[in-house]
C-alpha cells in the first residue's frame, strides 16, 4: 500500500539525492505532513518550448497542440525539477486544491 509518507520519502530521496533511510528520518521528524504540492504553469507566459517535458521524471507534463504546457495533477509529485528547467520561469509549485473541503 502506498502511503503519503512513502510518496514524500521517495520524492525527498530522489530530489535531494539522499538515502531512503535519511529521507525517512527527516520526514518522520515533521510534526505534520504539508499539503501536497504540484507544478503550476502560468499559461499566459508559457512559450511551449518542451524543456519541462524532457526533465519530468513522472511524465506529468504535456504540451497539447503546441500552445502551452499542461500538468497532469494525478501524476505530478511536486518535485520542482520542471520549475528549475523552465527557461521562461513560468512553472512554480503550489499546494494542490482539495476537492473534499469541509464546511
PDB file of N, CA and C in Angstrom:
ATOM      1  N   UNK A   1       0.834  -1.178   0.000  1.00  0.00           N
ATOM      2  CA  UNK A   1       0.000   0.000   0.000  1.00  0.00           C
ATOM      3  C   UNK A   1       0.883   1.247   0.000  1.00  0.00           C
ATOM      4  N   UNK A   2       0.577   2.156  -0.873  1.00  0.00           N
ATOM      5  CA  UNK A   2       1.343   3.399  -0.956  1.00  0.00           C
ATOM      6  C   UNK A   2       0.725   4.411  -0.007  1.00  0.00           C
ATOM      7  N   UNK A   3       1.551   4.925   0.897  1.00  0.00           N
ATOM      8  CA  UNK A   3       1.070   5.916   1.846  1.00  0.00           C
ATOM      9  C   UNK A   3       1.614   7.286   1.480  1.00  0.00           C
ATOM     10  N   UNK A   4       1.042   8.303   2.092  1.00  0.00           N
ATOM     11  CA  UNK A   4       1.501   9.668   1.860  1.00  0.00           C
ATOM     12  C   UNK A   4       2.968   9.806   2.282  1.00  0.00           C
ATOM     13  N   UNK A   5       3.327   9.163   3.386  1.00  0.00           N
ATOM     14  CA  UNK A   5       4.703   9.221   3.863  1.00  0.00           C
ATOM     15  C   UNK A   5       5.662   8.599   2.858  1.00  0.00           C
ATOM     16  N   UNK A   6       5.306   7.453   2.277  1.00  0.00           N
ATOM     17  CA  UNK A   6       6.207   6.804   1.325  1.00  0.00           C
ATOM     18  C   UNK A   6       6.401   7.646   0.072  1.00  0.00           C
ATOM     19  N   UNK A   7       5.351   8.355  -0.358  1.00  0.00           N
ATOM     20  CA  UNK A   7       5.482   9.235  -1.515  1.00  0.00           C
ATOM     21  C   UNK A   7       6.457  10.364  -1.206  1.00  0.00           C
ATOM     22  N   UNK A   8       6.315  10.968  -0.035  1.00  0.00           N
ATOM     23  CA  UNK A   8       7.211  12.060   0.332  1.00  0.00           C
ATOM     24  C   UNK A   8       8.650  11.591   0.532  1.00  0.00           C
ATOM     25  N   UNK A   9       8.831  10.399   1.084  1.00  0.00           N
ATOM     26  CA  UNK A   9      10.185   9.862   1.272  1.00  0.00           C
ATOM     27  C   UNK A   9      10.841   9.629  -0.082  1.00  0.00           C
ATOM     28  N   UNK A  10      10.118   9.031  -1.026  1.00  0.00           N
ATOM     29  CA  UNK A  10      10.668   8.808  -2.363  1.00  0.00           C
ATOM     30  C   UNK A  10      10.998  10.130  -3.046  1.00  0.00           C
ATOM     31  N   UNK A  11      10.102  11.097  -2.904  1.00  0.00           N
ATOM     32  CA  UNK A  11      10.329  12.415  -3.505  1.00  0.00           C
ATOM     33  C   UNK A  11      11.562  13.075  -2.900  1.00  0.00           C
ATOM     34  N   UNK A  12      11.690  13.018  -1.592  1.00  0.00           N
ATOM     35  CA  UNK A  12      12.830  13.621  -0.889  1.00  0.00           C
ATOM     36  C   UNK A  12      14.132  12.943  -1.311  1.00  0.00           C
ATOM     37  N   UNK A  13      14.137  11.632  -1.367  1.00  0.00           N
ATOM     38  CA  UNK A  13      15.338  10.890  -1.731  1.00  0.00           C
ATOM     39  C   UNK A  13      15.735  11.170  -3.174  1.00  0.00           C
ATOM     40  N   UNK A  14      14.770  11.205  -4.065  1.00  0.00           N
ATOM     41  CA  UNK A  14      15.055  11.434  -5.484  1.00  0.00           C
ATOM     42  C   UNK A  14      15.515  12.867  -5.741  1.00  0.00           C
ATOM     43  N   UNK A  15      14.803  13.823  -5.183  1.00  0.00           N
ATOM     44  CA  UNK A  15      15.092  15.231  -5.452  1.00  0.00           C
ATOM     45  C   UNK A  15      16.425  15.672  -4.861  1.00  0.00           C
ATOM     46  N   UNK A  16      16.707  15.264  -3.634  1.00  0.00           N
ATOM     47  CA  UNK A  16      17.906  15.749  -2.946  1.00  0.00           C
ATOM     48  C   UNK A  16      19.026  14.727  -2.869  1.00  0.00           C
ATOM     49  N   UNK A  17      18.889  13.622  -3.593  1.00  0.00           N
ATOM     50  CA  UNK A  17      19.921  12.580  -3.669  1.00  0.00           C
ATOM     51  C   UNK A  17      20.331  12.074  -2.279  1.00  0.00           C
ATOM     52  N   UNK A  18      19.339  11.849  -1.438  1.00  0.00           N
ATOM     53  CA  UNK A  18      19.584  11.318  -0.099  1.00  0.00           C
ATOM     54  C   UNK A  18      19.262   9.831  -0.090  1.00  0.00           C
ATOM     55  N   UNK A  19      19.779   9.141   0.925  1.00  0.00           N
ATOM     56  CA  UNK A  19      19.395   7.745   1.077  1.00  0.00           C
ATOM     57  C   UNK A  19      17.956   7.698   1.590  1.00  0.00           C
ATOM     58  N   UNK A  20      17.302   6.581   1.365  1.00  0.00           N
ATOM     59  CA  UNK A  20      15.920   6.464   1.814  1.00  0.00           C
ATOM     60  C   UNK A  20      15.831   6.517   3.337  1.00  0.00           C
ATOM     61  N   UNK A  21      16.846   5.983   4.024  1.00  0.00           N
ATOM     62  CA  UNK A  21      16.828   5.999   5.491  1.00  0.00           C
ATOM     63  C   UNK A  21      16.880   7.425   6.024  1.00  0.00           C
ATOM     64  N   UNK A  22      17.769   8.253   5.475  1.00  0.00           N
ATOM     65  CA  UNK A  22      17.857   9.631   5.963  1.00  0.00           C
ATOM     66  C   UNK A  22      16.624  10.438   5.562  1.00  0.00           C
ATOM     67  N   UNK A  23      16.080  10.167   4.395  1.00  0.00           N
ATOM     68  CA  UNK A  23      14.860  10.856   3.972  1.00  0.00           C
ATOM     69  C   UNK A  23      13.694  10.465   4.877  1.00  0.00           C
ATOM     70  N   UNK A  24      13.622   9.187   5.246  1.00  0.00           N
ATOM     71  CA  UNK A  24      12.544   8.718   6.123  1.00  0.00           C
ATOM     72  C   UNK A  24      12.650   9.371   7.490  1.00  0.00           C
ATOM     73  N   UNK A  25      13.867   9.459   8.036  1.00  0.00           N
ATOM     74  CA  UNK A  25      14.068  10.106   9.338  1.00  0.00           C
ATOM     75  C   UNK A  25      13.619  11.557   9.301  1.00  0.00           C
ATOM     76  N   UNK A  26      14.002  12.247   8.238  1.00  0.00           N
ATOM     77  CA  UNK A  26      13.633  13.653   8.114  1.00  0.00           C
ATOM     78  C   UNK A  26      12.128  13.812   8.058  1.00  0.00           C
ATOM     79  N   UNK A  27      11.452  12.974   7.296  1.00  0.00           N
ATOM     80  CA  UNK A  27      10.007  13.096   7.152  1.00  0.00           C
ATOM     81  C   UNK A  27       9.288  12.721   8.443  1.00  0.00           C
ATOM     82  N   UNK A  28       9.804  11.770   9.206  1.00  0.00           N
ATOM     83  CA  UNK A  28       9.176  11.368  10.471  1.00  0.00           C
ATOM     84  C   UNK A  28       9.327  12.451  11.538  1.00  0.00           C
ATOM     85  N   UNK A  29      10.370  13.277  11.445  1.00  0.00           N
ATOM     86  CA  UNK A  29      10.578  14.349  12.418  1.00  0.00           C
ATOM     87  C   UNK A  29       9.553  15.460  12.290  1.00  0.00           C
ATOM     88  N   UNK A  30       8.953  15.581  11.134  1.00  0.00           N
ATOM     89  CA  UNK A  30       7.956  16.627  10.945  1.00  0.00           C
ATOM     90  C   UNK A  30       6.718  16.318  11.790  1.00  0.00           C
ATOM     91  N   UNK A  31       6.191  17.343  12.417  1.00  0.00           N
ATOM     92  CA  UNK A  31       5.009  17.161  13.264  1.00  0.00           C
ATOM     93  C   UNK A  31       3.774  16.829  12.440  1.00  0.00           C
ATOM     94  N   UNK A  32       3.670  17.422  11.277  1.00  0.00           N
ATOM     95  CA  UNK A  32       2.541  17.157  10.408  1.00  0.00           C
ATOM     96  C   UNK A  32       3.021  17.203   8.961  1.00  0.00           C
ATOM     97  N   UNK A  33       2.331  16.508   8.125  1.00  0.00           N
ATOM     98  CA  UNK A  33       2.695  16.497   6.716  1.00  0.00           C
ATOM     99  C   UNK A  33       2.129  17.740   6.042  1.00  0.00           C
ATOM    100  N   UNK A  34       2.928  18.350   5.215  1.00  0.00           N
ATOM    101  CA  UNK A  34       2.466  19.520   4.471  1.00  0.00           C
ATOM    102  C   UNK A  34       1.469  19.090   3.403  1.00  0.00           C
ATOM    103  N   UNK A  35       0.680  20.025   2.956  1.00  0.00           N
ATOM    104  CA  UNK A  35      -0.255  19.727   1.878  1.00  0.00           C
ATOM    105  C   UNK A  35       0.534  19.354   0.628  1.00  0.00           C
ATOM    106  N   UNK A  36      -0.027  18.490  -0.179  1.00  0.00           N
ATOM    107  CA  UNK A  36       0.659  18.027  -1.385  1.00  0.00           C
ATOM    108  C   UNK A  36       0.820  19.173  -2.379  1.00  0.00           C
ATOM    109  N   UNK A  37       2.014  19.293  -2.915  1.00  0.00           N
ATOM    110  CA  UNK A  37       2.275  20.337  -3.891  1.00  0.00           C
ATOM    111  C   UNK A  37       2.328  19.745  -5.292  1.00  0.00           C
ATOM    112  N   UNK A  38       1.940  20.567  -6.249  1.00  0.00           N
ATOM    113  CA  UNK A  38       2.014  20.180  -7.650  1.00  0.00           C
ATOM    114  C   UNK A  38       2.570  21.352  -8.444  1.00  0.00           C
ATOM    115  N   UNK A  39       3.011  21.067  -9.646  1.00  0.00           N
ATOM    116  CA  UNK A  39       3.523  22.122 -10.523  1.00  0.00           C
ATOM    117  C   UNK A  39       2.352  22.925 -11.086  1.00  0.00           C
ATOM    118  N   UNK A  40       2.552  24.227 -11.217  1.00  0.00           N
ATOM    119  CA  UNK A  40       1.553  25.123 -11.788  1.00  0.00           C
ATOM    120  C   UNK A  40       2.206  25.907 -12.916  1.00  0.00           C
ATOM    121  N   UNK A  41       1.578  25.952 -14.071  1.00  0.00           N
ATOM    122  CA  UNK A  41       2.114  26.651 -15.234  1.00  0.00           C
ATOM    123  C   UNK A  41       1.311  27.927 -15.473  1.00  0.00           C
ATOM    124  N   UNK A  42       2.002  29.064 -15.584  1.00  0.00           N
ATOM    125  CA  UNK A  42       1.363  30.321 -15.956  1.00  0.00           C
ATOM    126  C   UNK A  42       1.151  30.265 -17.468  1.00  0.00           C
ATOM    127  N   UNK A  43      -0.052  29.890 -17.880  1.00  0.00           N
ATOM    128  CA  UNK A  43      -0.334  29.639 -19.285  1.00  0.00           C
ATOM    129  C   UNK A  43      -0.169  30.872 -20.163  1.00  0.00           C
ATOM    130  N   UNK A  44      -0.374  32.055 -19.604  1.00  0.00           N
ATOM    131  CA  UNK A  44      -0.240  33.283 -20.391  1.00  0.00           C
ATOM    132  C   UNK A  44       1.214  33.552 -20.767  1.00  0.00           C
ATOM    133  N   UNK A  45       2.157  33.067 -19.956  1.00  0.00           N
ATOM    134  CA  UNK A  45       3.574  33.327 -20.193  1.00  0.00           C
ATOM    135  C   UNK A  45       4.323  32.143 -20.809  1.00  0.00           C
ATOM    136  N   UNK A  46       3.714  30.957 -20.816  1.00  0.00           N
ATOM    137  CA  UNK A  46       4.375  29.750 -21.326  1.00  0.00           C
ATOM    138  C   UNK A  46       4.608  29.855 -22.832  1.00  0.00           C
ATOM    139  N   UNK A  47       5.831  29.502 -23.254  1.00  0.00           N
ATOM    140  CA  UNK A  47       6.187  29.546 -24.676  1.00  0.00           C
ATOM    141  C   UNK A  47       6.192  28.149 -25.312  1.00  0.00           C
ATOM    142  N   UNK A  48       5.781  27.141 -24.576  1.00  0.00           N
ATOM    143  CA  UNK A  48       5.661  25.757 -25.062  1.00  0.00           C
ATOM    144  C   UNK A  48       6.946  25.224 -25.672  1.00  0.00           C
ATOM    145  N   UNK A  49       8.069  25.470 -24.994  1.00  0.00           N
ATOM    146  CA  UNK A  49       9.367  25.023 -25.513  1.00  0.00           C
ATOM    147  C   UNK A  49       9.596  23.521 -25.314  1.00  0.00           C
ATOM    148  N   UNK A  50       8.941  22.922 -24.303  1.00  0.00           N
ATOM    149  CA  UNK A  50       9.074  21.492 -24.055  1.00  0.00           C
ATOM    150  C   UNK A  50      10.195  21.099 -23.118  1.00  0.00           C
ATOM    151  N   UNK A  51      10.910  22.054 -22.546  1.00  0.00           N
ATOM    152  CA  UNK A  51      12.000  21.727 -21.616  1.00  0.00           C
ATOM    153  C   UNK A  51      11.486  20.967 -20.405  1.00  0.00           C
ATOM    154  N   UNK A  52      10.310  21.326 -19.931  1.00  0.00           N
ATOM    155  CA  UNK A  52       9.734  20.677 -18.753  1.00  0.00           C
ATOM    156  C   UNK A  52       9.359  19.221 -19.040  1.00  0.00           C
ATOM    157  N   UNK A  53       8.930  18.953 -20.252  1.00  0.00           N
ATOM    158  CA  UNK A  53       8.546  17.586 -20.623  1.00  0.00           C
ATOM    159  C   UNK A  53       9.758  16.664 -20.560  1.00  0.00           C
ATOM    160  N   UNK A  54      10.889  17.158 -21.028  1.00  0.00           N
ATOM    161  CA  UNK A  54      12.109  16.346 -21.081  1.00  0.00           C
ATOM    162  C   UNK A  54      12.628  15.959 -19.706  1.00  0.00           C
ATOM    163  N   UNK A  55      12.438  16.823 -18.695  1.00  0.00           N
ATOM    164  CA  UNK A  55      13.022  16.566 -17.382  1.00  0.00           C
ATOM    165  C   UNK A  55      12.058  15.964 -16.370  1.00  0.00           C
ATOM    166  N   UNK A  56      10.762  15.955 -16.656  1.00  0.00           N
ATOM    167  CA  UNK A  56       9.785  15.434 -15.690  1.00  0.00           C
ATOM    168  C   UNK A  56       9.961  13.924 -15.520  1.00  0.00           C
ATOM    169  N   UNK A  57      10.306  13.466 -14.301  1.00  0.00           N
ATOM    170  CA  UNK A  57      10.536  12.036 -14.087  1.00  0.00           C
ATOM    171  C   UNK A  57       9.256  11.200 -14.124  1.00  0.00           C
ATOM    172  N   UNK A  58       8.105  11.829 -13.978  1.00  0.00           N
ATOM    173  CA  UNK A  58       6.840  11.107 -13.944  1.00  0.00           C
ATOM    174  C   UNK A  58       6.028  11.229 -15.232  1.00  0.00           C
ATOM    175  N   UNK A  59       6.498  12.038 -16.172  1.00  0.00           N
ATOM    176  CA  UNK A  59       5.751  12.231 -17.410  1.00  0.00           C
ATOM    177  C   UNK A  59       4.436  12.952 -17.175  1.00  0.00           C
ATOM    178  N   UNK A  60       4.439  13.880 -16.229  1.00  0.00           N
ATOM    179  CA  UNK A  60       3.209  14.559 -15.818  1.00  0.00           C
ATOM    180  C   UNK A  60       2.914  15.826 -16.610  1.00  0.00           C
ATOM    181  N   UNK A  61       3.789  16.196 -17.543  1.00  0.00           N
ATOM    182  CA  UNK A  61       3.599  17.433 -18.289  1.00  0.00           C
ATOM    183  C   UNK A  61       3.473  17.123 -19.781  1.00  0.00           C
ATOM    184  N   UNK A  62       2.549  17.832 -20.424  1.00  0.00           N
ATOM    185  CA  UNK A  62       2.342  17.690 -21.858  1.00  0.00           C
ATOM    186  C   UNK A  62       2.117  19.077 -22.455  1.00  0.00           C
ATOM    187  N   UNK A  63       2.355  19.189 -23.761  1.00  0.00           N
ATOM    188  CA  UNK A  63       2.077  20.435 -24.480  1.00  0.00           C
ATOM    189  C   UNK A  63       1.128  20.087 -25.623  1.00  0.00           C
ATOM    190  N   UNK A  64      -0.171  20.024 -25.306  1.00  0.00           N
ATOM    191  CA  UNK A  64      -1.131  19.675 -26.358  1.00  0.00           C
ATOM    192  C   UNK A  64      -1.265  20.794 -27.391  1.00  0.00           C
ATOM    193  N   UNK A  65      -1.246  20.421 -28.645  1.00  0.00           N
ATOM    194  CA  UNK A  65      -1.380  21.361 -29.775  1.00  0.00           C
ATOM    195  C   UNK A  65      -0.288  22.429 -29.810  1.00  0.00           C
ATOM    196  N   UNK A  66       0.791  22.246 -29.068  1.00  0.00           N
ATOM    197  CA  UNK A  66       1.907  23.189 -29.095  1.00  0.00           C
ATOM    198  C   UNK A  66       1.590  24.575 -28.573  1.00  0.00           C
ATOM    199  N   UNK A  67       0.581  24.686 -27.726  1.00  0.00           N
ATOM    200  CA  UNK A  67       0.152  26.005 -27.244  1.00  0.00           C
ATOM    201  C   UNK A  67       0.752  26.344 -25.891  1.00  0.00           C
ATOM    202  N   UNK A  68       0.546  25.500 -24.910  1.00  0.00           N
ATOM    203  CA  UNK A  68       1.055  25.745 -23.561  1.00  0.00           C
ATOM    204  C   UNK A  68       1.209  24.419 -22.820  1.00  0.00           C
ATOM    205  N   UNK A  69       2.066  24.406 -21.820  1.00  0.00           N
ATOM    206  CA  UNK A  69       2.280  23.201 -21.020  1.00  0.00           C
ATOM    207  C   UNK A  69       1.092  22.985 -20.086  1.00  0.00           C
ATOM    208  N   UNK A  70       0.721  21.711 -19.911  1.00  0.00           N
ATOM    209  CA  UNK A  70      -0.377  21.341 -19.029  1.00  0.00           C
ATOM    210  C   UNK A  70       0.126  20.247 -18.089  1.00  0.00           C
ATOM    211  N   UNK A  71      -0.166  20.384 -16.799  1.00  0.00           N
ATOM    212  CA  UNK A  71       0.283  19.430 -15.791  1.00  0.00           C
ATOM    213  C   UNK A  71      -0.848  18.468 -15.436  1.00  0.00           C
ATOM    214  N   UNK A  72      -0.543  17.168 -15.449  1.00  0.00           N
ATOM    215  CA  UNK A  72      -1.482  16.142 -15.011  1.00  0.00           C
ATOM    216  C   UNK A  72      -1.344  16.035 -13.493  1.00  0.00           C
ATOM    217  N   UNK A  73      -2.346  16.505 -12.756  1.00  0.00           N
ATOM    218  CA  UNK A  73      -2.275  16.555 -11.297  1.00  0.00           C
ATOM    219  C   UNK A  73      -2.180  15.181 -10.659  1.00  0.00           C
ATOM    220  N   UNK A  74      -2.665  14.158 -11.317  1.00  0.00           N
ATOM    221  CA  UNK A  74      -2.601  12.806 -10.762  1.00  0.00           C
ATOM    222  C   UNK A  74      -1.178  12.240 -10.812  1.00  0.00           C
ATOM    223  N   UNK A  75      -0.419  12.603 -11.829  1.00  0.00           N
ATOM    224  CA  UNK A  75       0.943  12.093 -11.983  1.00  0.00           C
ATOM    225  C   UNK A  75       1.979  12.960 -11.277  1.00  0.00           C
ATOM    226  N   UNK A  76       1.734  14.249 -11.147  1.00  0.00           N
ATOM    227  CA  UNK A  76       2.712  15.185 -10.594  1.00  0.00           C
ATOM    228  C   UNK A  76       2.941  14.928  -9.103  1.00  0.00           C
ATOM    229  N   UNK A  77       4.215  14.883  -8.695  1.00  0.00           N
ATOM    230  CA  UNK A  77       4.562  14.703  -7.289  1.00  0.00           C
ATOM    231  C   UNK A  77       5.129  15.981  -6.674  1.00  0.00           C
ATOM    232  N   UNK A  78       5.188  17.046  -7.443  1.00  0.00           N
ATOM    233  CA  UNK A  78       5.642  18.327  -6.918  1.00  0.00           C
ATOM    234  C   UNK A  78       7.122  18.411  -6.623  1.00  0.00           C
ATOM    235  N   UNK A  79       7.948  17.693  -7.363  1.00  0.00           N
ATOM    236  CA  UNK A  79       9.386  17.656  -7.084  1.00  0.00           C
ATOM    237  C   UNK A  79      10.093  18.966  -7.447  1.00  0.00           C
ATOM    238  N   UNK A  80       9.555  19.736  -8.387  1.00  0.00           N
ATOM    239  CA  UNK A  80      10.135  21.025  -8.742  1.00  0.00           C
ATOM    240  C   UNK A  80      11.211  20.985  -9.804  1.00  0.00           C
ATOM    241  N   UNK A  81      11.488  19.826 -10.352  1.00  0.00           N
ATOM    242  CA  UNK A  81      12.524  19.713 -11.378  1.00  0.00           C
ATOM    243  C   UNK A  81      12.129  20.500 -12.624  1.00  0.00           C
ATOM    244  N   UNK A  82      10.856  20.461 -12.984  1.00  0.00           N
ATOM    245  CA  UNK A  82      10.390  21.185 -14.164  1.00  0.00           C
ATOM    246  C   UNK A  82      10.517  22.698 -13.974  1.00  0.00           C
ATOM    247  N   UNK A  83      10.272  23.177 -12.768  1.00  0.00           N
ATOM    248  CA  UNK A  83      10.377  24.611 -12.494  1.00  0.00           C
ATOM    249  C   UNK A  83      11.818  25.095 -12.648  1.00  0.00           C
ATOM    250  N   UNK A  84      12.768  24.254 -12.237  1.00  0.00           N
ATOM    251  CA  UNK A  84      14.181  24.618 -12.377  1.00  0.00           C
ATOM    252  C   UNK A  84      14.625  24.602 -13.834  1.00  0.00           C
ATOM    253  N   UNK A  85      14.024  23.725 -14.626  1.00  0.00           N
ATOM    254  CA  UNK A  85      14.422  23.585 -16.033  1.00  0.00           C
ATOM    255  C   UNK A  85      13.751  24.600 -16.955  1.00  0.00           C
ATOM    256  N   UNK A  86      12.696  25.234 -16.513  1.00  0.00           N
ATOM    257  CA  UNK A  86      11.929  26.143 -17.370  1.00  0.00           C
ATOM    258  C   UNK A  86      12.727  27.415 -17.665  1.00  0.00           C
ATOM    259  N   UNK A  87      13.072  27.670 -18.940  1.00  0.00           N
ATOM    260  CA  UNK A  87      13.851  28.857 -19.275  1.00  0.00           C
ATOM    261  C   UNK A  87      13.061  30.153 -19.116  1.00  0.00           C
ATOM    262  N   UNK A  88      11.739  30.080 -19.178  1.00  0.00           N
ATOM    263  CA  UNK A  88      10.904  31.278 -19.031  1.00  0.00           C
ATOM    264  C   UNK A  88      10.472  31.505 -17.580  1.00  0.00           C
ATOM    265  N   UNK A  89      10.814  30.579 -16.681  1.00  0.00           N
ATOM    266  CA  UNK A  89      10.460  30.656 -15.255  1.00  0.00           C
ATOM    267  C   UNK A  89       8.960  30.847 -15.029  1.00  0.00           C
ATOM    268  N   UNK A  90       8.153  30.090 -15.741  1.00  0.00           N
ATOM    269  CA  UNK A  90       6.703  30.214 -15.606  1.00  0.00           C
ATOM    270  C   UNK A  90       6.077  29.045 -14.845  1.00  0.00           C
ATOM    271  N   UNK A  91       6.910  28.131 -14.346  1.00  0.00           N
ATOM    272  CA  UNK A  91       6.396  26.991 -13.583  1.00  0.00           C
ATOM    273  C   UNK A  91       6.759  27.190 -12.119  1.00  0.00           C
ATOM    274  N   UNK A  92       5.784  26.990 -11.245  1.00  0.00           N
ATOM    275  CA  UNK A  92       6.012  27.095  -9.811  1.00  0.00           C
ATOM    276  C   UNK A  92       5.290  25.948  -9.116  1.00  0.00           C
ATOM    277  N   UNK A  93       5.646  25.691  -7.858  1.00  0.00           N
ATOM    278  CA  UNK A  93       4.981  24.656  -7.074  1.00  0.00           C
ATOM    279  C   UNK A  93       3.943  25.324  -6.180  1.00  0.00           C
ATOM    280  N   UNK A  94       2.758  24.773  -6.187  1.00  0.00           N
ATOM    281  CA  UNK A  94       1.668  25.290  -5.354  1.00  0.00           C
ATOM    282  C   UNK A  94       0.964  24.132  -4.686  1.00  0.00           C
ATOM    283  N   UNK A  95       0.275  24.429  -3.591  1.00  0.00           N
ATOM    284  CA  UNK A  95      -0.492  23.395  -2.909  1.00  0.00           C
ATOM    285  C   UNK A  95      -1.662  22.973  -3.775  1.00  0.00           C
ATOM    286  N   UNK A  96      -1.881  21.687  -3.806  1.00  0.00           N
ATOM    287  CA  UNK A  96      -2.981  21.141  -4.601  1.00  0.00           C
ATOM    288  C   UNK A  96      -4.296  21.522  -3.942  1.00  0.00           C
ATOM    289  N   UNK A  97      -5.239  21.956  -4.748  1.00  0.00           N
ATOM    290  CA  UNK A  97      -6.559  22.322  -4.249  1.00  0.00           C
ATOM    291  C   UNK A  97      -7.309  21.049  -3.892  1.00  0.00           C
ATOM    292  N   UNK A  98      -7.817  20.990  -2.687  1.00  0.00           N
ATOM    293  CA  UNK A  98      -8.549  19.810  -2.214  1.00  0.00           C
ATOM    294  C   UNK A  98      -9.996  19.874  -2.690  1.00  0.00           C
ATOM    295  N   UNK A  99     -10.472  18.740  -3.215  1.00  0.00           N
ATOM    296  CA  UNK A  99     -11.853  18.676  -3.671  1.00  0.00           C
ATOM    297  C   UNK A  99     -12.814  18.433  -2.517  1.00  0.00           C
ATOM    298  N   UNK A 100     -12.306  17.834  -1.439  1.00  0.00           N
ATOM    299  CA  UNK A 100     -13.154  17.459  -0.304  1.00  0.00           C
ATOM    300  C   UNK A 100     -13.037  18.471   0.822  1.00  0.00           C
ATOM    301  N   UNK A 101     -13.496  19.671   0.607  1.00  0.00           N
ATOM    302  CA  UNK A 101     -13.441  20.690   1.650  1.00  0.00           C
ATOM    303  C   UNK A 101     -14.653  20.558   2.550  1.00  0.00           C
ATOM    304  N   UNK A 102     -14.374  20.595   3.836  1.00  0.00           N
ATOM    305  CA  UNK A 102     -15.486  20.503   4.798  1.00  0.00           C
ATOM    306  C   UNK A 102     -15.913  21.916   5.167  1.00  0.00           C
ATOM    307  N   UNK A 103     -17.169  22.110   5.332  1.00  0.00           N
ATOM    308  CA  UNK A 103     -17.594  23.437   5.668  1.00  0.00           C
ATOM    309  C   UNK A 103     -18.831  23.541   6.410  1.00  0.00           C
TER     310      UNK A 103
END
